[in-house]
């Protein structure tokens, strides 16, 4: 209705996230209205910012009249001054410490991670899974069937300013995202936080961007958690942690690709261009 130029920083597919994660019906008036607004913004905006390249491909396939030149990818960035690589001196190579950070529901399936850890303990019995989440009460309900992990499982509610310090004590970041349409446009905050603190990542193949980042740069492993040979996986994990360069590689990737400084620079260029 106005002549004002619009920059649409859409992040992920928000209406579809509500459908995939909170059971908002795609037949509901709310969902249809939100998708209508989204479509108008896609048409009228000077620039459209997305979190992943896969989301751009999906939008271009659906809306053939859109021009790829309107799009720009700025992944969820990390403050590398706050989340940083501290001294990593692995003293006990038989004890692998896995870090799980953030929500244990909605977009994530914590039970897959617990099952993974249960099987890893058969080959790496001294390992730990440290879960840093504000949902400690919700997790205890989920954890009912995993009481046998109590000696190897730590659940903590950590204040934001202390997260980096806690991650620095761990070896590998791990999470599992539920595969659906909206997740193709997601770039979880924890990716940058793990990498910036020097932690390689183990996760599932939830979109093409994460597959490219982790596999191409050898910053961890992308697994099909339904089809794992845990003896082989345990050996791969030991090899990953034993790599004397892995912590620097992860931290350096965050600094040079997904740091807050880079994100601000890209965003400023977009505004200057409009």
C-alpha atoms as a PDB file:
ATOM      1  CA  UNK A   1       0.000   0.000   0.000  1.00  0.00           C
ATOM      2  CA  UNK A   2       3.036   2.280   0.237  1.00  0.00           C
ATOM      3  CA  UNK A   3       6.087   3.162  -1.838  1.00  0.00           C
ATOM      4  CA  UNK A   4       8.435   2.135   0.952  1.00  0.00           C
ATOM      5  CA  UNK A   5      11.074  -0.354  -0.144  1.00  0.00           C
ATOM      6  CA  UNK A   6      10.896  -3.659   1.697  1.00  0.00           C
ATOM      7  CA  UNK A   7      13.709  -5.901   2.874  1.00  0.00           C
ATOM      8  CA  UNK A   8      12.214  -9.290   3.749  1.00  0.00           C
ATOM      9  CA  UNK A   9      14.500 -11.039   6.235  1.00  0.00           C
ATOM     10  CA  UNK A  10      12.391 -14.169   6.364  1.00  0.00           C
ATOM     11  CA  UNK A  11      14.837 -16.353   8.320  1.00  0.00           C
ATOM     12  CA  UNK A  12      13.191 -19.765   7.990  1.00  0.00           C
ATOM     13  CA  UNK A  13       9.758 -20.769   6.694  1.00  0.00           C
ATOM     14  CA  UNK A  14       7.936 -19.396   9.747  1.00  0.00           C
ATOM     15  CA  UNK A  15       4.322 -20.378   8.928  1.00  0.00           C
ATOM     16  CA  UNK A  16       5.502 -23.884   8.055  1.00  0.00           C
ATOM     17  CA  UNK A  17       7.530 -24.076  11.252  1.00  0.00           C
ATOM     18  CA  UNK A  18       4.285 -23.438  13.145  1.00  0.00           C
ATOM     19  CA  UNK A  19       2.638 -26.227  11.155  1.00  0.00           C
ATOM     20  CA  UNK A  20       5.511 -28.683  11.585  1.00  0.00           C
ATOM     21  CA  UNK A  21       6.326 -27.937  15.223  1.00  0.00           C
ATOM     22  CA  UNK A  22       3.129 -26.713  16.908  1.00  0.00           C
ATOM     23  CA  UNK A  23       0.492 -28.606  14.924  1.00  0.00           C
ATOM     24  CA  UNK A  24      -0.951 -25.515  13.258  1.00  0.00           C
ATOM     25  CA  UNK A  25      -3.188 -26.974  10.543  1.00  0.00           C
ATOM     26  CA  UNK A  26      -2.171 -26.113   7.004  1.00  0.00           C
ATOM     27  CA  UNK A  27      -5.910 -25.966   6.259  1.00  0.00           C
ATOM     28  CA  UNK A  28      -6.512 -23.324   8.938  1.00  0.00           C
ATOM     29  CA  UNK A  29      -7.304 -19.690   8.146  1.00  0.00           C
ATOM     30  CA  UNK A  30      -4.316 -18.551  10.212  1.00  0.00           C
ATOM     31  CA  UNK A  31      -1.866 -20.632   8.184  1.00  0.00           C
ATOM     32  CA  UNK A  32      -3.410 -19.560   4.854  1.00  0.00           C
ATOM     33  CA  UNK A  33      -3.302 -15.906   5.898  1.00  0.00           C
ATOM     34  CA  UNK A  34       0.345 -16.159   6.948  1.00  0.00           C
ATOM     35  CA  UNK A  35       1.257 -17.829   3.651  1.00  0.00           C
ATOM     36  CA  UNK A  36      -0.623 -15.080   1.792  1.00  0.00           C
ATOM     37  CA  UNK A  37       1.408 -12.397   3.578  1.00  0.00           C
ATOM     38  CA  UNK A  38       4.606 -14.355   2.925  1.00  0.00           C
ATOM     39  CA  UNK A  39       3.796 -14.565  -0.789  1.00  0.00           C
ATOM     40  CA  UNK A  40       3.129 -10.816  -1.013  1.00  0.00           C
ATOM     41  CA  UNK A  41       6.414 -10.050   0.735  1.00  0.00           C
ATOM     42  CA  UNK A  42       8.292 -12.363  -1.622  1.00  0.00           C
ATOM     43  CA  UNK A  43       6.780 -10.542  -4.589  1.00  0.00           C
ATOM     44  CA  UNK A  44       7.225  -6.970  -3.367  1.00  0.00           C
ATOM     45  CA  UNK A  45      10.548  -7.032  -1.520  1.00  0.00           C
ATOM     46  CA  UNK A  46      13.715  -5.556  -2.966  1.00  0.00           C
ATOM     47  CA  UNK A  47      15.812  -8.233  -1.259  1.00  0.00           C
ATOM     48  CA  UNK A  48      14.982 -11.489   0.525  1.00  0.00           C
ATOM     49  CA  UNK A  49      17.309 -12.903   3.166  1.00  0.00           C
ATOM     50  CA  UNK A  50      17.238 -16.634   3.922  1.00  0.00           C
ATOM     51  CA  UNK A  51      19.201 -18.880   6.251  1.00  0.00           C
ATOM     52  CA  UNK A  52      19.960 -21.633   3.714  1.00  0.00           C
ATOM     53  CA  UNK A  53      20.589 -22.060   0.003  1.00  0.00           C
ATOM     54  CA  UNK A  54      18.172 -24.987  -0.047  1.00  0.00           C
ATOM     55  CA  UNK A  55      15.344 -22.677   1.029  1.00  0.00           C
ATOM     56  CA  UNK A  56      16.058 -20.421  -1.961  1.00  0.00           C
ATOM     57  CA  UNK A  57      15.867 -23.388  -4.336  1.00  0.00           C
ATOM     58  CA  UNK A  58      12.538 -24.440  -2.813  1.00  0.00           C
ATOM     59  CA  UNK A  59      11.091 -20.935  -3.159  1.00  0.00           C
ATOM     60  CA  UNK A  60      12.268 -20.569  -6.761  1.00  0.00           C
ATOM     61  CA  UNK A  61      10.751 -23.940  -7.646  1.00  0.00           C
ATOM     62  CA  UNK A  62       7.431 -22.868  -6.168  1.00  0.00           C
ATOM     63  CA  UNK A  63       7.353 -19.257  -7.374  1.00  0.00           C
ATOM     64  CA  UNK A  64       8.831 -19.305 -10.869  1.00  0.00           C
ATOM     65  CA  UNK A  65       8.397 -15.548 -11.287  1.00  0.00           C
ATOM     66  CA  UNK A  66      10.947 -14.779  -8.559  1.00  0.00           C
ATOM     67  CA  UNK A  67      14.491 -13.831  -9.552  1.00  0.00           C
ATOM     68  CA  UNK A  68      17.416 -15.514  -7.819  1.00  0.00           C
ATOM     69  CA  UNK A  69      19.243 -12.175  -7.708  1.00  0.00           C
ATOM     70  CA  UNK A  70      16.727 -10.959  -5.097  1.00  0.00           C
ATOM     71  CA  UNK A  71      17.945 -13.553  -2.616  1.00  0.00           C
ATOM     72  CA  UNK A  72      20.826 -13.543  -0.186  1.00  0.00           C
ATOM     73  CA  UNK A  73      21.863 -16.169   2.347  1.00  0.00           C
ATOM     74  CA  UNK A  74      22.968 -15.051   5.805  1.00  0.00           C
ATOM     75  CA  UNK A  75      23.068 -18.081   8.120  1.00  0.00           C
ATOM     76  CA  UNK A  76      22.417 -17.750  11.832  1.00  0.00           C
ATOM     77  CA  UNK A  77      25.640 -16.111  12.974  1.00  0.00           C
ATOM     78  CA  UNK A  78      27.631 -16.500  16.179  1.00  0.00           C
ATOM     79  CA  UNK A  79      29.432 -13.938  18.313  1.00  0.00           C
ATOM     80  CA  UNK A  80      32.950 -15.346  18.109  1.00  0.00           C
ATOM     81  CA  UNK A  81      34.076 -12.996  20.884  1.00  0.00           C
ATOM     82  CA  UNK A  82      31.640 -14.682  23.271  1.00  0.00           C
ATOM     83  CA  UNK A  83      31.777 -18.237  21.947  1.00  0.00           C
ATOM     84  CA  UNK A  84      35.435 -18.967  21.457  1.00  0.00           C
ATOM     85  CA  UNK A  85      37.992 -21.706  21.436  1.00  0.00           C
ATOM     86  CA  UNK A  86      39.608 -22.037  24.844  1.00  0.00           C
ATOM     87  CA  UNK A  87      42.534 -24.276  25.680  1.00  0.00           C
ATOM     88  CA  UNK A  88      41.748 -27.785  24.416  1.00  0.00           C
ATOM     89  CA  UNK A  89      44.038 -30.324  26.001  1.00  0.00           C
ATOM     90  CA  UNK A  90      42.420 -33.741  25.831  1.00  0.00           C
ATOM     91  CA  UNK A  91      43.727 -35.637  28.855  1.00  0.00           C
ATOM     92  CA  UNK A  92      41.512 -38.739  28.848  1.00  0.00           C
ATOM     93  CA  UNK A  93      41.031 -40.026  25.327  1.00  0.00           C
ATOM     94  CA  UNK A  94      38.855 -42.875  26.584  1.00  0.00           C
ATOM     95  CA  UNK A  95      36.260 -40.413  27.891  1.00  0.00           C
ATOM     96  CA  UNK A  96      34.398 -38.608  25.117  1.00  0.00           C
ATOM     97  CA  UNK A  97      32.168 -35.786  26.343  1.00  0.00           C
ATOM     98  CA  UNK A  98      29.155 -35.065  24.112  1.00  0.00           C
ATOM     99  CA  UNK A  99      27.349 -31.724  24.423  1.00  0.00           C
ATOM    100  CA  UNK A 100      23.652 -31.257  23.687  1.00  0.00           C
ATOM    101  CA  UNK A 101      22.547 -27.615  23.754  1.00  0.00           C
ATOM    102  CA  UNK A 102      19.085 -26.053  23.867  1.00  0.00           C
ATOM    103  CA  UNK A 103      15.551 -27.287  23.263  1.00  0.00           C
ATOM    104  CA  UNK A 104      14.685 -30.957  23.766  1.00  0.00           C
ATOM    105  CA  UNK A 105      11.357 -30.865  21.896  1.00  0.00           C
ATOM    106  CA  UNK A 106       9.458 -29.187  18.998  1.00  0.00           C
ATOM    107  CA  UNK A 107      12.098 -29.245  16.220  1.00  0.00           C
ATOM    108  CA  UNK A 108      14.288 -31.783  18.007  1.00  0.00           C
ATOM    109  CA  UNK A 109      14.043 -35.431  19.012  1.00  0.00           C
ATOM    110  CA  UNK A 110      16.085 -35.960  22.165  1.00  0.00           C
ATOM    111  CA  UNK A 111      15.154 -39.651  22.331  1.00  0.00           C
ATOM    112  CA  UNK A 112      17.204 -40.322  19.218  1.00  0.00           C
ATOM    113  CA  UNK A 113      20.244 -38.791  20.929  1.00  0.00           C
ATOM    114  CA  UNK A 114      19.660 -40.748  24.139  1.00  0.00           C
ATOM    115  CA  UNK A 115      19.386 -43.977  22.172  1.00  0.00           C
ATOM    116  CA  UNK A 116      22.565 -43.101  20.255  1.00  0.00           C
ATOM    117  CA  UNK A 117      24.411 -42.440  23.498  1.00  0.00           C
ATOM    118  CA  UNK A 118      23.117 -45.650  25.094  1.00  0.00           C
ATOM    119  CA  UNK A 119      24.629 -47.654  22.228  1.00  0.00           C
ATOM    120  CA  UNK A 120      27.878 -45.673  22.162  1.00  0.00           C
ATOM    121  CA  UNK A 121      28.407 -46.512  25.841  1.00  0.00           C
ATOM    122  CA  UNK A 122      28.806 -50.163  24.873  1.00  0.00           C
ATOM    123  CA  UNK A 123      32.058 -49.224  23.117  1.00  0.00           C
ATOM    124  CA  UNK A 124      33.029 -46.032  24.970  1.00  0.00           C
ATOM    125  CA  UNK A 125      31.786 -46.839  28.501  1.00  0.00           C
ATOM    126  CA  UNK A 126      33.411 -43.849  30.214  1.00  0.00           C
ATOM    127  CA  UNK A 127      31.807 -41.248  27.959  1.00  0.00           C
ATOM    128  CA  UNK A 128      29.416 -38.518  29.099  1.00  0.00           C
ATOM    129  CA  UNK A 129      26.431 -36.756  27.579  1.00  0.00           C
ATOM    130  CA  UNK A 130      26.013 -33.255  28.965  1.00  0.00           C
ATOM    131  CA  UNK A 131      22.642 -31.677  28.202  1.00  0.00           C
ATOM    132  CA  UNK A 132      22.510 -27.909  28.635  1.00  0.00           C
ATOM    133  CA  UNK A 133      18.863 -26.821  28.522  1.00  0.00           C
ATOM    134  CA  UNK A 134      16.350 -24.630  30.307  1.00  0.00           C
ATOM    135  CA  UNK A 135      13.815 -27.443  29.881  1.00  0.00           C
ATOM    136  CA  UNK A 136      15.160 -29.536  32.734  1.00  0.00           C
ATOM    137  CA  UNK A 137      11.652 -30.375  33.996  1.00  0.00           C
ATOM    138  CA  UNK A 138      10.425 -31.351  30.525  1.00  0.00           C
ATOM    139  CA  UNK A 139      13.515 -33.475  30.038  1.00  0.00           C
ATOM    140  CA  UNK A 140      12.946 -35.444  33.219  1.00  0.00           C
ATOM    141  CA  UNK A 141       9.628 -36.589  31.766  1.00  0.00           C
ATOM    142  CA  UNK A 142      11.363 -37.655  28.583  1.00  0.00           C
ATOM    143  CA  UNK A 143      14.184 -39.274  30.532  1.00  0.00           C
ATOM    144  CA  UNK A 144      11.998 -41.760  32.432  1.00  0.00           C
ATOM    145  CA  UNK A 145      13.115 -44.662  30.259  1.00  0.00           C
ATOM    146  CA  UNK A 146      16.801 -43.753  30.460  1.00  0.00           C
ATOM    147  CA  UNK A 147      17.495 -43.864  34.187  1.00  0.00           C
ATOM    148  CA  UNK A 148      20.270 -46.364  33.541  1.00  0.00           C
ATOM    149  CA  UNK A 149      22.274 -43.513  31.978  1.00  0.00           C
ATOM    150  CA  UNK A 150      22.389 -41.562  35.247  1.00  0.00           C
ATOM    151  CA  UNK A 151      26.116 -42.131  35.851  1.00  0.00           C
ATOM    152  CA  UNK A 152      27.003 -40.864  32.399  1.00  0.00           C
ATOM    153  CA  UNK A 153      24.330 -38.190  31.937  1.00  0.00           C
ATOM    154  CA  UNK A 154      24.504 -34.598  33.178  1.00  0.00           C
ATOM    155  CA  UNK A 155      21.548 -32.212  32.789  1.00  0.00           C
ATOM    156  CA  UNK A 156      22.184 -28.544  33.548  1.00  0.00           C
ATOM    157  CA  UNK A 157      20.379 -25.228  33.170  1.00  0.00           C
ATOM    158  CA  UNK A 158      23.251 -22.940  32.180  1.00  0.00           C
ATOM    159  CA  UNK A 159      23.018 -19.147  31.978  1.00  0.00           C
ATOM    160  CA  UNK A 160      23.802 -17.771  28.528  1.00  0.00           C
ATOM    161  CA  UNK A 161      27.031 -16.074  29.616  1.00  0.00           C
ATOM    162  CA  UNK A 162      28.374 -19.413  30.886  1.00  0.00           C
ATOM    163  CA  UNK A 163      27.528 -21.577  27.860  1.00  0.00           C
ATOM    164  CA  UNK A 164      30.870 -21.037  26.120  1.00  0.00           C
ATOM    165  CA  UNK A 165      32.794 -22.103  29.217  1.00  0.00           C
ATOM    166  CA  UNK A 166      30.683 -25.260  29.563  1.00  0.00           C
ATOM    167  CA  UNK A 167      31.109 -26.164  25.891  1.00  0.00           C
ATOM    168  CA  UNK A 168      34.873 -25.740  26.182  1.00  0.00           C
ATOM    169  CA  UNK A 169      34.894 -28.727  28.556  1.00  0.00           C
ATOM    170  CA  UNK A 170      33.227 -30.960  25.930  1.00  0.00           C
ATOM    171  CA  UNK A 171      34.526 -32.747  22.833  1.00  0.00           C
ATOM    172  CA  UNK A 172      31.628 -33.066  20.376  1.00  0.00           C
ATOM    173  CA  UNK A 173      28.341 -31.233  19.810  1.00  0.00           C
ATOM    174  CA  UNK A 174      25.384 -33.465  19.000  1.00  0.00           C
ATOM    175  CA  UNK A 175      21.713 -33.019  18.067  1.00  0.00           C
ATOM    176  CA  UNK A 176      18.945 -34.512  15.924  1.00  0.00           C
ATOM    177  CA  UNK A 177      16.423 -32.408  14.008  1.00  0.00           C
ATOM    178  CA  UNK A 178      13.068 -33.827  12.943  1.00  0.00           C
ATOM    179  CA  UNK A 179      12.997 -34.019   9.147  1.00  0.00           C
ATOM    180  CA  UNK A 180      10.184 -31.987   7.574  1.00  0.00           C
ATOM    181  CA  UNK A 181       9.595 -29.215   5.042  1.00  0.00           C
ATOM    182  CA  UNK A 182      10.355 -26.204   7.231  1.00  0.00           C
ATOM    183  CA  UNK A 183      13.654 -27.607   8.487  1.00  0.00           C
ATOM    184  CA  UNK A 184      15.107 -27.189   4.991  1.00  0.00           C
ATOM    185  CA  UNK A 185      15.146 -23.462   5.691  1.00  0.00           C
ATOM    186  CA  UNK A 186      16.608 -23.691   9.208  1.00  0.00           C
ATOM    187  CA  UNK A 187      20.096 -23.025  10.492  1.00  0.00           C
ATOM    188  CA  UNK A 188      20.051 -23.646  14.257  1.00  0.00           C
ATOM    189  CA  UNK A 189      21.961 -21.216  16.466  1.00  0.00           C
ATOM    190  CA  UNK A 190      23.815 -24.088  18.139  1.00  0.00           C
ATOM    191  CA  UNK A 191      25.732 -24.866  14.931  1.00  0.00           C
ATOM    192  CA  UNK A 192      27.717 -21.648  15.143  1.00  0.00           C
ATOM    193  CA  UNK A 193      28.072 -21.916  18.916  1.00  0.00           C
ATOM    194  CA  UNK A 194      29.469 -25.449  18.761  1.00  0.00           C
ATOM    195  CA  UNK A 195      31.885 -24.679  15.928  1.00  0.00           C
ATOM    196  CA  UNK A 196      33.064 -21.376  17.377  1.00  0.00           C
ATOM    197  CA  UNK A 197      33.952 -23.161  20.626  1.00  0.00           C
ATOM    198  CA  UNK A 198      35.968 -25.684  18.607  1.00  0.00           C
ATOM    199  CA  UNK A 199      33.504 -28.586  18.821  1.00  0.00           C
ATOM    200  CA  UNK A 200      32.950 -30.794  15.785  1.00  0.00           C
ATOM    201  CA  UNK A 201      29.319 -31.775  15.215  1.00  0.00           C
ATOM    202  CA  UNK A 202      27.386 -35.030  14.939  1.00  0.00           C
ATOM    203  CA  UNK A 203      23.845 -34.652  13.597  1.00  0.00           C
ATOM    204  CA  UNK A 204      21.448 -35.952  10.952  1.00  0.00           C
ATOM    205  CA  UNK A 205      21.099 -34.801   7.359  1.00  0.00           C
ATOM    206  CA  UNK A 206      18.229 -32.361   7.888  1.00  0.00           C
ATOM    207  CA  UNK A 207      19.099 -30.051   4.985  1.00  0.00           C
ATOM    208  CA  UNK A 208      21.619 -29.690   2.177  1.00  0.00           C
ATOM    209  CA  UNK A 209      23.406 -26.741   3.767  1.00  0.00           C
ATOM    210  CA  UNK A 210      24.400 -28.572   6.927  1.00  0.00           C
ATOM    211  CA  UNK A 211      25.475 -31.584   4.859  1.00  0.00           C
ATOM    212  CA  UNK A 212      27.733 -29.349   2.788  1.00  0.00           C
ATOM    213  CA  UNK A 213      29.239 -27.560   5.784  1.00  0.00           C
ATOM    214  CA  UNK A 214      29.987 -30.607   7.924  1.00  0.00           C
ATOM    215  CA  UNK A 215      30.952 -33.127   5.239  1.00  0.00           C
ATOM    216  CA  UNK A 216      32.855 -30.866   2.837  1.00  0.00           C
ATOM    217  CA  UNK A 217      34.900 -29.246   5.591  1.00  0.00           C
ATOM    218  CA  UNK A 218      35.309 -32.429   7.682  1.00  0.00           C
ATOM    219  CA  UNK A 219      33.878 -30.755  10.780  1.00  0.00           C
ATOM    220  CA  UNK A 220      32.156 -33.853  12.157  1.00  0.00           C
ATOM    221  CA  UNK A 221      29.802 -36.556  10.915  1.00  0.00           C
ATOM    222  CA  UNK A 222      26.356 -36.607   9.341  1.00  0.00           C
ATOM    223  CA  UNK A 223      24.632 -39.852  10.310  1.00  0.00           C
ATOM    224  CA  UNK A 224      21.481 -41.724   9.454  1.00  0.00           C
ATOM    225  CA  UNK A 225      20.663 -42.537  13.070  1.00  0.00           C
ATOM    226  CA  UNK A 226      18.383 -45.410  12.050  1.00  0.00           C
ATOM    227  CA  UNK A 227      21.202 -47.325  10.363  1.00  0.00           C
ATOM    228  CA  UNK A 228      24.301 -47.154  12.512  1.00  0.00           C
ATOM    229  CA  UNK A 229      27.075 -49.638  13.111  1.00  0.00           C
ATOM    230  CA  UNK A 230      28.024 -48.408  16.580  1.00  0.00           C
ATOM    231  CA  UNK A 231      31.355 -50.178  16.670  1.00  0.00           C
ATOM    232  CA  UNK A 232      32.338 -48.332  13.476  1.00  0.00           C
ATOM    233  CA  UNK A 233      30.840 -45.080  14.762  1.00  0.00           C
ATOM    234  CA  UNK A 234      32.772 -45.295  18.041  1.00  0.00           C
ATOM    235  CA  UNK A 235      36.038 -45.673  16.111  1.00  0.00           C
ATOM    236  CA  UNK A 236      35.144 -42.673  13.946  1.00  0.00           C
ATOM    237  CA  UNK A 237      34.414 -40.623  17.061  1.00  0.00           C
ATOM    238  CA  UNK A 238      37.779 -41.499  18.615  1.00  0.00           C
ATOM    239  CA  UNK A 239      39.495 -40.604  15.352  1.00  0.00           C
ATOM    240  CA  UNK A 240      37.645 -37.286  15.262  1.00  0.00           C
ATOM    241  CA  UNK A 241      38.604 -36.326  18.816  1.00  0.00           C
ATOM    242  CA  UNK A 242      42.198 -37.491  18.300  1.00  0.00           C
ATOM    243  CA  UNK A 243      42.616 -35.066  15.369  1.00  0.00           C
ATOM    244  CA  UNK A 244      44.883 -32.402  16.881  1.00  0.00           C
ATOM    245  CA  UNK A 245      43.666 -29.860  14.328  1.00  0.00           C
ATOM    246  CA  UNK A 246      39.903 -30.395  14.602  1.00  0.00           C
ATOM    247  CA  UNK A 247      39.238 -27.766  17.270  1.00  0.00           C
ATOM    248  CA  UNK A 248      41.057 -25.061  15.309  1.00  0.00           C
ATOM    249  CA  UNK A 249      39.342 -26.096  12.060  1.00  0.00           C
ATOM    250  CA  UNK A 250      35.896 -25.751  13.646  1.00  0.00           C
ATOM    251  CA  UNK A 251      36.668 -22.431  15.312  1.00  0.00           C
ATOM    252  CA  UNK A 252      38.285 -21.025  12.181  1.00  0.00           C
ATOM    253  CA  UNK A 253      35.298 -22.025  10.033  1.00  0.00           C
ATOM    254  CA  UNK A 254      32.978 -20.118  12.376  1.00  0.00           C
ATOM    255  CA  UNK A 255      35.198 -17.025  12.288  1.00  0.00           C
ATOM    256  CA  UNK A 256      35.517 -16.966   8.513  1.00  0.00           C
ATOM    257  CA  UNK A 257      31.988 -18.001   7.505  1.00  0.00           C
ATOM    258  CA  UNK A 258      29.310 -17.490  10.158  1.00  0.00           C
ATOM    259  CA  UNK A 259      30.660 -14.913  12.584  1.00  0.00           C
ATOM    260  CA  UNK A 260      28.498 -12.020  13.727  1.00  0.00           C
ATOM    261  CA  UNK A 261      31.012  -9.660  12.155  1.00  0.00           C
ATOM    262  CA  UNK A 262      30.479 -11.216   8.724  1.00  0.00           C
ATOM    263  CA  UNK A 263      26.693 -11.228   9.154  1.00  0.00           C
ATOM    264  CA  UNK A 264      26.653  -7.521  10.054  1.00  0.00           C
ATOM    265  CA  UNK A 265      28.822  -6.703   7.036  1.00  0.00           C
ATOM    266  CA  UNK A 266      26.499  -8.580   4.654  1.00  0.00           C
ATOM    267  CA  UNK A 267      23.394  -7.005   6.148  1.00  0.00           C
ATOM    268  CA  UNK A 268      24.869  -3.509   5.891  1.00  0.00           C
ATOM    269  CA  UNK A 269      25.663  -4.125   2.225  1.00  0.00           C
ATOM    270  CA  UNK A 270      22.032  -5.110   1.643  1.00  0.00           C
ATOM    271  CA  UNK A 271      20.719  -1.926   3.278  1.00  0.00           C
ATOM    272  CA  UNK A 272      23.242   0.224   1.396  1.00  0.00           C
ATOM    273  CA  UNK A 273      22.166  -1.413  -1.861  1.00  0.00           C
ATOM    274  CA  UNK A 274      18.502  -0.604  -1.238  1.00  0.00           C
END
